[in-house]
Every structure is written in structure tokens, then in C-alpha cells.
Amino acid sequence: MRIAKVLGTVVSTQKAHSLQGTKFLLVQRVDHEGQLLPEYDVAADCVGAGVDEWVLITQGSAARQMPEYERRPLDALVIAIIDTVSVSGGRIYNK
């Protein structure tokens, strides 16, 4: 799993049939100090995350482990909205 910040949404009216109804988010990865990294991903959202929230994403075959997503061509999935992140006794993120 990786921590990422939601930057926005990705809208596509023409997509594979199995992706109909899937919400896509543009996410940017976050390092252990809370700094944004240059890596971006598009991830399907199964938890209703919004812009500026920090989320947990899973990638690869793990993104297809949830029953409703197992037959979809996904490489990244938002699986949680983060409330807090603490490192070495200090908080780097608080919702």
C-alpha cells in the first residue's frame, strides 16, 4: 500500500464496459515526511474519497482482490481515507 493525496478526478465517457460506473481519481504519492512526490497515478475509488484527502492506494493484482473489482482491468485502487499519519511520535497529517 502507498499513501497518496487526491488531486482531482479523471472523467472518461468512453471506457471498457467493465469500468462503467467506476469513479477515477488523480492521486499524487506522499513520502514518510508528508512531502508530495513527483509520482502520479490514476486510481479507481471504492471509498468515496475527495479532493485534498490523503488516501491509501493498493496497486497491481491487489487492486483486484475486492469481489466487485476482480474482473476489472485496474492497476490502482483507493481502499481507505486516512484520518491521521504519525511518524516517530509526531503527526505529519491530520484530517
N, C-alpha and C. Protein backbone atom coordinates (compact mmCIF):
# COMPACT_ATOMS: atom_id res chain seq x y z
N MET A 1 0.84 -1.18 0.00
CA MET A 1 0.00 0.00 0.00
C MET A 1 0.88 1.24 0.00
N ARG A 2 0.30 2.30 -0.52
CA ARG A 2 1.01 3.57 -0.57
C ARG A 2 0.08 4.68 -0.11
N ILE A 3 0.68 5.74 0.43
CA ILE A 3 -0.08 6.92 0.82
C ILE A 3 -0.05 7.89 -0.34
N ALA A 4 -1.20 8.49 -0.63
CA ALA A 4 -1.29 9.47 -1.71
C ALA A 4 -2.29 10.56 -1.33
N LYS A 5 -2.18 11.69 -2.01
CA LYS A 5 -3.12 12.80 -1.84
C LYS A 5 -3.97 12.89 -3.10
N VAL A 6 -5.27 13.06 -2.91
CA VAL A 6 -6.17 13.17 -4.05
C VAL A 6 -6.08 14.59 -4.61
N LEU A 7 -5.72 14.68 -5.89
CA LEU A 7 -5.60 15.98 -6.56
C LEU A 7 -6.85 16.35 -7.34
N GLY A 8 -7.55 15.35 -7.84
CA GLY A 8 -8.73 15.64 -8.66
C GLY A 8 -9.34 14.36 -9.20
N THR A 9 -10.26 14.55 -10.12
CA THR A 9 -10.96 13.42 -10.72
C THR A 9 -10.55 13.27 -12.18
N VAL A 10 -10.74 12.07 -12.69
CA VAL A 10 -10.50 11.77 -14.09
C VAL A 10 -11.82 11.27 -14.66
N VAL A 11 -12.34 11.98 -15.66
CA VAL A 11 -13.64 11.63 -16.25
C VAL A 11 -13.42 11.06 -17.64
N SER A 12 -14.07 9.94 -17.90
CA SER A 12 -13.99 9.30 -19.21
C SER A 12 -15.37 8.78 -19.58
N THR A 13 -15.93 9.30 -20.65
CA THR A 13 -17.26 8.84 -21.06
C THR A 13 -17.19 7.58 -21.90
N GLN A 14 -16.07 7.33 -22.54
CA GLN A 14 -15.88 6.12 -23.34
C GLN A 14 -14.85 5.25 -22.64
N LYS A 15 -15.29 4.10 -22.15
CA LYS A 15 -14.38 3.20 -21.45
C LYS A 15 -14.86 1.77 -21.57
N ALA A 16 -14.02 0.83 -21.18
CA ALA A 16 -14.38 -0.57 -21.21
C ALA A 16 -15.67 -0.80 -20.43
N HIS A 17 -16.49 -1.71 -20.93
CA HIS A 17 -17.79 -1.98 -20.31
C HIS A 17 -17.65 -2.31 -18.82
N SER A 18 -16.64 -3.05 -18.44
CA SER A 18 -16.47 -3.45 -17.04
C SER A 18 -16.13 -2.27 -16.13
N LEU A 19 -15.76 -1.13 -16.71
CA LEU A 19 -15.42 0.05 -15.92
C LEU A 19 -16.57 1.04 -15.79
N GLN A 20 -17.71 0.75 -16.41
CA GLN A 20 -18.87 1.63 -16.30
C GLN A 20 -19.22 1.82 -14.83
N GLY A 21 -19.45 3.07 -14.43
CA GLY A 21 -19.81 3.37 -13.04
C GLY A 21 -18.63 3.50 -12.09
N THR A 22 -17.42 3.32 -12.57
CA THR A 22 -16.23 3.42 -11.73
C THR A 22 -15.76 4.86 -11.68
N LYS A 23 -15.53 5.38 -10.47
CA LYS A 23 -15.01 6.73 -10.28
C LYS A 23 -13.49 6.66 -10.26
N PHE A 24 -12.84 7.53 -11.02
CA PHE A 24 -11.39 7.58 -11.07
C PHE A 24 -10.86 8.86 -10.44
N LEU A 25 -9.77 8.74 -9.71
CA LEU A 25 -9.13 9.87 -9.06
C LEU A 25 -7.69 10.01 -9.52
N LEU A 26 -7.22 11.26 -9.64
CA LEU A 26 -5.81 11.54 -9.88
C LEU A 26 -5.17 11.71 -8.51
N VAL A 27 -4.19 10.86 -8.20
CA VAL A 27 -3.55 10.90 -6.89
C VAL A 27 -2.05 11.10 -7.04
N GLN A 28 -1.47 11.79 -6.05
CA GLN A 28 -0.03 12.03 -6.02
C GLN A 28 0.53 11.39 -4.75
N ARG A 29 1.57 10.63 -4.89
CA ARG A 29 2.15 9.91 -3.75
C ARG A 29 2.77 10.87 -2.74
N VAL A 30 2.82 10.41 -1.48
CA VAL A 30 3.34 11.19 -0.36
C VAL A 30 4.45 10.38 0.31
N ASP A 31 5.54 11.05 0.70
CA ASP A 31 6.63 10.33 1.37
C ASP A 31 6.42 10.27 2.89
N HIS A 32 7.38 9.68 3.61
CA HIS A 32 7.27 9.48 5.06
C HIS A 32 7.35 10.78 5.86
N GLU A 33 7.69 11.88 5.21
CA GLU A 33 7.72 13.18 5.88
C GLU A 33 6.51 14.04 5.52
N GLY A 34 5.62 13.48 4.71
CA GLY A 34 4.43 14.22 4.31
C GLY A 34 4.62 15.08 3.08
N GLN A 35 5.75 14.92 2.40
CA GLN A 35 6.04 15.71 1.21
C GLN A 35 5.50 15.00 -0.04
N LEU A 36 4.96 15.78 -0.95
CA LEU A 36 4.46 15.21 -2.20
C LEU A 36 5.62 14.75 -3.07
N LEU A 37 5.50 13.56 -3.62
CA LEU A 37 6.50 13.01 -4.52
C LEU A 37 6.08 13.30 -5.97
N PRO A 38 7.00 13.20 -6.92
CA PRO A 38 6.65 13.51 -8.31
C PRO A 38 5.80 12.44 -8.99
N GLU A 39 5.55 11.30 -8.34
CA GLU A 39 4.80 10.22 -8.98
C GLU A 39 3.29 10.45 -8.86
N TYR A 40 2.60 10.27 -9.99
CA TYR A 40 1.15 10.39 -10.05
C TYR A 40 0.56 9.06 -10.49
N ASP A 41 -0.67 8.81 -10.07
CA ASP A 41 -1.39 7.62 -10.51
C ASP A 41 -2.85 8.00 -10.74
N VAL A 42 -3.52 7.20 -11.54
CA VAL A 42 -4.97 7.25 -11.64
C VAL A 42 -5.45 6.00 -10.93
N ALA A 43 -6.34 6.18 -9.96
CA ALA A 43 -6.82 5.05 -9.16
C ALA A 43 -8.34 5.04 -9.14
N ALA A 44 -8.92 3.86 -9.22
CA ALA A 44 -10.36 3.71 -9.03
C ALA A 44 -10.64 3.96 -7.55
N ASP A 45 -11.81 4.51 -7.26
CA ASP A 45 -12.16 4.86 -5.88
C ASP A 45 -13.33 4.01 -5.41
N CYS A 46 -13.13 3.24 -4.34
CA CYS A 46 -14.23 2.43 -3.80
C CYS A 46 -14.68 2.91 -2.44
N VAL A 47 -14.14 4.05 -1.96
CA VAL A 47 -14.49 4.53 -0.63
C VAL A 47 -15.08 5.94 -0.60
N GLY A 48 -15.20 6.60 -1.75
CA GLY A 48 -15.79 7.93 -1.80
C GLY A 48 -14.86 9.05 -1.37
N ALA A 49 -13.58 8.94 -1.71
CA ALA A 49 -12.59 9.96 -1.34
C ALA A 49 -12.82 11.23 -2.15
N GLY A 50 -12.35 12.36 -1.57
CA GLY A 50 -12.50 13.65 -2.22
C GLY A 50 -11.17 14.36 -2.39
N VAL A 51 -11.21 15.45 -3.13
CA VAL A 51 -10.01 16.25 -3.40
C VAL A 51 -9.40 16.73 -2.08
N ASP A 52 -8.08 16.70 -2.01
CA ASP A 52 -7.24 17.11 -0.88
C ASP A 52 -7.20 16.09 0.27
N GLU A 53 -7.94 14.99 0.19
CA GLU A 53 -7.84 13.98 1.23
C GLU A 53 -6.63 13.10 0.98
N TRP A 54 -6.05 12.58 2.06
CA TRP A 54 -4.99 11.58 1.95
C TRP A 54 -5.66 10.22 1.97
N VAL A 55 -5.15 9.32 1.14
CA VAL A 55 -5.76 8.01 0.99
C VAL A 55 -4.69 6.92 0.95
N LEU A 56 -5.13 5.68 1.16
CA LEU A 56 -4.29 4.52 0.93
C LEU A 56 -4.66 3.94 -0.42
N ILE A 57 -3.66 3.67 -1.24
CA ILE A 57 -3.93 3.01 -2.51
C ILE A 57 -3.19 1.67 -2.53
N THR A 58 -3.79 0.73 -3.20
CA THR A 58 -3.15 -0.55 -3.43
C THR A 58 -3.00 -0.69 -4.94
N GLN A 59 -1.97 -1.40 -5.37
CA GLN A 59 -1.69 -1.47 -6.80
C GLN A 59 -1.45 -2.91 -7.26
N GLY A 60 -1.47 -3.09 -8.55
CA GLY A 60 -1.23 -4.40 -9.14
C GLY A 60 -2.37 -5.35 -8.87
N SER A 61 -2.06 -6.62 -8.71
CA SER A 61 -3.10 -7.63 -8.53
C SER A 61 -3.89 -7.40 -7.24
N ALA A 62 -3.29 -6.74 -6.25
CA ALA A 62 -4.00 -6.45 -5.00
C ALA A 62 -5.19 -5.51 -5.25
N ALA A 63 -5.13 -4.71 -6.30
CA ALA A 63 -6.23 -3.79 -6.62
C ALA A 63 -7.46 -4.54 -7.11
N ARG A 64 -7.28 -5.80 -7.45
CA ARG A 64 -8.40 -6.60 -7.96
C ARG A 64 -8.83 -7.68 -6.96
N GLN A 65 -8.48 -7.55 -5.71
CA GLN A 65 -8.82 -8.54 -4.71
C GLN A 65 -10.23 -8.39 -4.14
N MET A 66 -10.80 -7.19 -4.24
CA MET A 66 -12.17 -6.99 -3.76
C MET A 66 -13.13 -7.60 -4.77
N PRO A 67 -14.14 -8.33 -4.31
CA PRO A 67 -15.03 -9.07 -5.22
C PRO A 67 -15.62 -8.21 -6.35
N GLU A 68 -16.03 -7.00 -6.06
CA GLU A 68 -16.65 -6.18 -7.10
C GLU A 68 -15.66 -5.61 -8.11
N TYR A 69 -14.35 -5.77 -7.87
CA TYR A 69 -13.33 -5.25 -8.77
C TYR A 69 -12.47 -6.34 -9.40
N GLU A 70 -12.70 -7.61 -9.08
CA GLU A 70 -11.81 -8.67 -9.53
C GLU A 70 -11.80 -8.89 -11.04
N ARG A 71 -12.82 -8.51 -11.74
CA ARG A 71 -12.86 -8.70 -13.20
C ARG A 71 -12.69 -7.39 -13.97
N ARG A 72 -12.18 -6.39 -13.30
CA ARG A 72 -11.97 -5.09 -13.95
C ARG A 72 -10.48 -4.88 -14.21
N PRO A 73 -10.14 -4.24 -15.31
CA PRO A 73 -8.72 -4.01 -15.65
C PRO A 73 -8.14 -2.82 -14.87
N LEU A 74 -7.98 -3.02 -13.55
CA LEU A 74 -7.48 -1.95 -12.68
C LEU A 74 -6.06 -2.23 -12.24
N ASP A 75 -5.28 -1.18 -12.11
CA ASP A 75 -3.92 -1.31 -11.60
C ASP A 75 -3.76 -0.58 -10.28
N ALA A 76 -4.71 0.30 -9.92
CA ALA A 76 -4.63 1.04 -8.66
C ALA A 76 -6.04 1.26 -8.12
N LEU A 77 -6.20 1.12 -6.80
CA LEU A 77 -7.49 1.25 -6.16
C LEU A 77 -7.34 1.98 -4.84
N VAL A 78 -8.15 3.02 -4.62
CA VAL A 78 -8.20 3.70 -3.33
C VAL A 78 -9.01 2.82 -2.40
N ILE A 79 -8.38 2.38 -1.30
CA ILE A 79 -9.04 1.44 -0.39
C ILE A 79 -9.34 2.03 0.98
N ALA A 80 -8.84 3.24 1.29
CA ALA A 80 -9.11 3.85 2.59
C ALA A 80 -8.87 5.36 2.51
N ILE A 81 -9.63 6.09 3.33
CA ILE A 81 -9.39 7.52 3.53
C ILE A 81 -8.67 7.65 4.86
N ILE A 82 -7.55 8.33 4.87
CA ILE A 82 -6.70 8.42 6.06
C ILE A 82 -7.19 9.54 6.99
N ASP A 83 -7.22 9.23 8.29
CA ASP A 83 -7.55 10.23 9.30
C ASP A 83 -6.30 10.90 9.86
N THR A 84 -5.30 10.10 10.23
CA THR A 84 -4.04 10.64 10.75
C THR A 84 -2.87 9.77 10.31
N VAL A 85 -1.70 10.41 10.22
CA VAL A 85 -0.45 9.69 9.98
C VAL A 85 0.55 10.22 10.99
N SER A 86 1.12 9.31 11.79
CA SER A 86 2.13 9.67 12.79
C SER A 86 3.43 8.96 12.46
N VAL A 87 4.54 9.69 12.57
CA VAL A 87 5.87 9.14 12.34
C VAL A 87 6.77 9.58 13.48
N SER A 88 7.43 8.64 14.12
CA SER A 88 8.36 8.93 15.23
C SER A 88 7.72 9.82 16.29
N GLY A 89 6.48 9.53 16.63
CA GLY A 89 5.80 10.26 17.69
C GLY A 89 5.21 11.61 17.27
N GLY A 90 5.42 12.02 16.02
CA GLY A 90 4.87 13.29 15.55
C GLY A 90 3.89 13.06 14.42
N ARG A 91 2.87 13.88 14.36
CA ARG A 91 1.88 13.75 13.29
C ARG A 91 2.31 14.53 12.05
N ILE A 92 2.26 13.85 10.92
CA ILE A 92 2.57 14.55 9.67
C ILE A 92 1.30 14.86 8.89
N TYR A 93 0.17 14.25 9.31
CA TYR A 93 -1.11 14.52 8.66
C TYR A 93 -2.23 14.30 9.65
N ASN A 94 -3.16 15.22 9.65
CA ASN A 94 -4.37 15.11 10.47
C ASN A 94 -5.52 15.66 9.64
N LYS A 95 -6.51 14.83 9.41
CA LYS A 95 -7.63 15.23 8.56
C LYS A 95 -8.35 16.42 9.10
